[in-house]
Amino acid sequence: MDADLKQYLEAMEERLVEKMRDMQTELLRGFAAFSEGQTIRLRKVEADQSNLGATLPGRVNIVEGRLR
């Protein structure tokens, strides 16, 4: 293989690999940002559910007391 052609192809490969790494980094950043938002939403739902679970028995007791 001609030395100039080989050098050209190696340089092209290096640029391609670097672009692929950049794309991978951008994808990972995007997924991380999405994941953080979902984690916050999930924690809120869990907290709401926990609060409901803590207050529900008391509310049921009040309703039962009124029905007696």
N, C-alpha and C. Protein backbone atom coordinates (compact mmCIF):
# COMPACT_ATOMS: atom_id res chain seq x y z
N MET A 1 0.85 -1.17 0.00
CA MET A 1 0.00 0.00 0.00
C MET A 1 0.89 1.23 0.00
N ASP A 2 0.52 2.21 -0.77
CA ASP A 2 1.26 3.45 -0.86
C ASP A 2 1.33 4.11 0.52
N ALA A 3 2.49 4.64 0.87
CA ALA A 3 2.70 5.22 2.20
C ALA A 3 1.77 6.41 2.45
N ASP A 4 1.57 7.25 1.44
CA ASP A 4 0.68 8.40 1.59
C ASP A 4 -0.77 7.96 1.82
N LEU A 5 -1.20 6.94 1.07
CA LEU A 5 -2.56 6.44 1.21
C LEU A 5 -2.75 5.81 2.59
N LYS A 6 -1.76 5.06 3.03
CA LYS A 6 -1.84 4.44 4.35
C LYS A 6 -1.91 5.50 5.44
N GLN A 7 -1.12 6.51 5.33
CA GLN A 7 -1.12 7.60 6.31
C GLN A 7 -2.47 8.33 6.30
N TYR A 8 -3.00 8.56 5.11
CA TYR A 8 -4.30 9.21 4.97
C TYR A 8 -5.41 8.39 5.62
N LEU A 9 -5.40 7.09 5.38
CA LEU A 9 -6.42 6.21 5.96
C LEU A 9 -6.30 6.13 7.47
N GLU A 10 -5.09 6.10 7.99
CA GLU A 10 -4.90 6.06 9.44
C GLU A 10 -5.40 7.35 10.08
N ALA A 11 -5.13 8.48 9.43
CA ALA A 11 -5.61 9.76 9.96
C ALA A 11 -7.14 9.80 9.93
N MET A 12 -7.73 9.29 8.86
CA MET A 12 -9.19 9.25 8.75
C MET A 12 -9.77 8.36 9.84
N GLU A 13 -9.12 7.24 10.09
CA GLU A 13 -9.59 6.33 11.14
C GLU A 13 -9.54 7.01 12.50
N GLU A 14 -8.48 7.72 12.78
CA GLU A 14 -8.35 8.43 14.05
C GLU A 14 -9.46 9.47 14.22
N ARG A 15 -9.74 10.20 13.15
CA ARG A 15 -10.81 11.21 13.21
C ARG A 15 -12.17 10.54 13.42
N LEU A 16 -12.38 9.42 12.74
CA LEU A 16 -13.64 8.70 12.88
C LEU A 16 -13.82 8.17 14.30
N VAL A 17 -12.78 7.60 14.85
CA VAL A 17 -12.85 7.07 16.22
C VAL A 17 -13.14 8.21 17.19
N GLU A 18 -12.52 9.35 17.00
CA GLU A 18 -12.75 10.49 17.87
C GLU A 18 -14.20 10.98 17.77
N LYS A 19 -14.73 11.03 16.56
CA LYS A 19 -16.14 11.43 16.38
C LYS A 19 -17.08 10.43 17.04
N MET A 20 -16.77 9.15 16.93
CA MET A 20 -17.60 8.13 17.56
C MET A 20 -17.58 8.28 19.08
N ARG A 21 -16.43 8.59 19.63
CA ARG A 21 -16.33 8.80 21.09
C ARG A 21 -17.14 10.03 21.50
N ASP A 22 -17.08 11.08 20.69
CA ASP A 22 -17.86 12.28 20.98
C ASP A 22 -19.36 11.97 20.97
N MET A 23 -19.79 11.19 20.00
CA MET A 23 -21.22 10.81 19.92
C MET A 23 -21.62 9.99 21.14
N GLN A 24 -20.75 9.06 21.52
CA GLN A 24 -21.03 8.23 22.69
C GLN A 24 -21.16 9.10 23.94
N THR A 25 -20.26 10.06 24.08
CA THR A 25 -20.30 10.95 25.24
C THR A 25 -21.59 11.75 25.27
N GLU A 26 -22.01 12.27 24.14
CA GLU A 26 -23.25 13.04 24.07
C GLU A 26 -24.46 12.17 24.41
N LEU A 27 -24.48 10.95 23.91
CA LEU A 27 -25.58 10.04 24.24
C LEU A 27 -25.63 9.75 25.74
N LEU A 28 -24.48 9.48 26.32
CA LEU A 28 -24.43 9.18 27.75
C LEU A 28 -24.87 10.38 28.57
N ARG A 29 -24.48 11.57 28.17
CA ARG A 29 -24.92 12.78 28.88
C ARG A 29 -26.44 12.94 28.78
N GLY A 30 -26.97 12.68 27.61
CA GLY A 30 -28.42 12.78 27.42
C GLY A 30 -29.17 11.78 28.28
N PHE A 31 -28.70 10.55 28.30
CA PHE A 31 -29.35 9.53 29.13
C PHE A 31 -29.23 9.87 30.60
N ALA A 32 -28.09 10.40 31.02
CA ALA A 32 -27.91 10.77 32.42
C ALA A 32 -28.88 11.87 32.83
N ALA A 33 -29.03 12.87 31.98
CA ALA A 33 -29.97 13.96 32.28
C ALA A 33 -31.40 13.43 32.37
N PHE A 34 -31.78 12.57 31.44
CA PHE A 34 -33.11 11.98 31.46
C PHE A 34 -33.31 11.15 32.73
N SER A 35 -32.31 10.37 33.07
CA SER A 35 -32.39 9.50 34.24
C SER A 35 -32.54 10.31 35.53
N GLU A 36 -31.82 11.44 35.63
CA GLU A 36 -31.93 12.27 36.82
C GLU A 36 -33.36 12.79 36.99
N GLY A 37 -33.96 13.24 35.90
CA GLY A 37 -35.33 13.72 35.97
C GLY A 37 -36.30 12.63 36.38
N GLN A 38 -36.11 11.45 35.83
CA GLN A 38 -37.00 10.33 36.17
C GLN A 38 -36.82 9.92 37.63
N THR A 39 -35.60 9.96 38.12
CA THR A 39 -35.33 9.61 39.51
C THR A 39 -36.04 10.57 40.46
N ILE A 40 -35.99 11.86 40.12
CA ILE A 40 -36.67 12.86 40.95
C ILE A 40 -38.18 12.61 40.95
N ARG A 41 -38.74 12.33 39.78
CA ARG A 41 -40.18 12.05 39.70
C ARG A 41 -40.55 10.80 40.51
N LEU A 42 -39.73 9.77 40.40
CA LEU A 42 -40.00 8.53 41.12
C LEU A 42 -39.94 8.76 42.63
N ARG A 43 -38.97 9.54 43.08
CA ARG A 43 -38.88 9.83 44.52
C ARG A 43 -40.11 10.59 45.01
N LYS A 44 -40.62 11.51 44.20
CA LYS A 44 -41.82 12.25 44.58
C LYS A 44 -43.01 11.31 44.69
N VAL A 45 -43.16 10.42 43.72
CA VAL A 45 -44.26 9.46 43.76
C VAL A 45 -44.14 8.57 45.00
N GLU A 46 -42.93 8.12 45.30
CA GLU A 46 -42.74 7.28 46.48
C GLU A 46 -43.07 8.04 47.76
N ALA A 47 -42.68 9.31 47.82
CA ALA A 47 -42.99 10.11 49.01
C ALA A 47 -44.49 10.33 49.13
N ASP A 48 -45.14 10.64 48.01
CA ASP A 48 -46.60 10.83 48.04
C ASP A 48 -47.30 9.55 48.50
N GLN A 49 -46.85 8.42 47.99
CA GLN A 49 -47.45 7.14 48.36
C GLN A 49 -47.22 6.86 49.84
N SER A 50 -46.04 7.17 50.32
CA SER A 50 -45.73 6.95 51.73
C SER A 50 -46.60 7.83 52.62
N ASN A 51 -46.77 9.09 52.22
CA ASN A 51 -47.61 10.00 52.99
C ASN A 51 -49.06 9.52 53.00
N LEU A 52 -49.53 9.05 51.87
CA LEU A 52 -50.90 8.54 51.78
C LEU A 52 -51.06 7.31 52.66
N GLY A 53 -50.07 6.44 52.62
CA GLY A 53 -50.11 5.23 53.44
C GLY A 53 -50.12 5.54 54.92
N ALA A 54 -49.47 6.64 55.30
CA ALA A 54 -49.43 7.00 56.72
C ALA A 54 -50.73 7.63 57.18
N THR A 55 -51.41 8.35 56.30
CA THR A 55 -52.63 9.06 56.71
C THR A 55 -53.91 8.26 56.46
N LEU A 56 -53.86 7.32 55.56
CA LEU A 56 -55.07 6.59 55.19
C LEU A 56 -55.72 5.84 56.36
N PRO A 57 -54.97 5.10 57.17
CA PRO A 57 -55.63 4.41 58.30
C PRO A 57 -56.34 5.37 59.25
N GLY A 58 -55.75 6.53 59.49
CA GLY A 58 -56.39 7.51 60.35
C GLY A 58 -57.69 8.01 59.76
N ARG A 59 -57.69 8.24 58.48
CA ARG A 59 -58.91 8.71 57.80
C ARG A 59 -59.99 7.64 57.83
N VAL A 60 -59.60 6.40 57.63
CA VAL A 60 -60.57 5.30 57.67
C VAL A 60 -61.17 5.21 59.07
N ASN A 61 -60.36 5.38 60.09
CA ASN A 61 -60.88 5.32 61.47
C ASN A 61 -61.88 6.44 61.73
N ILE A 62 -61.63 7.63 61.19
CA ILE A 62 -62.55 8.74 61.36
C ILE A 62 -63.88 8.44 60.69
N VAL A 63 -63.82 7.93 59.47
CA VAL A 63 -65.06 7.59 58.76
C VAL A 63 -65.82 6.49 59.49
N GLU A 64 -65.11 5.48 59.99
CA GLU A 64 -65.76 4.42 60.71
C GLU A 64 -66.41 4.94 61.98
N GLY A 65 -65.73 5.88 62.64
CA GLY A 65 -66.29 6.48 63.85
C GLY A 65 -67.55 7.25 63.56
N ARG A 66 -67.61 7.91 62.43
CA ARG A 66 -68.80 8.69 62.07
C ARG A 66 -69.96 7.77 61.71
N LEU A 67 -69.67 6.60 61.19
CA LEU A 67 -70.72 5.68 60.78
C LEU A 67 -71.34 4.94 61.96
N ARG A 68 -70.71 4.95 63.09
CA ARG A 68 -71.23 4.22 64.26
C ARG A 68 -72.34 4.95 64.91
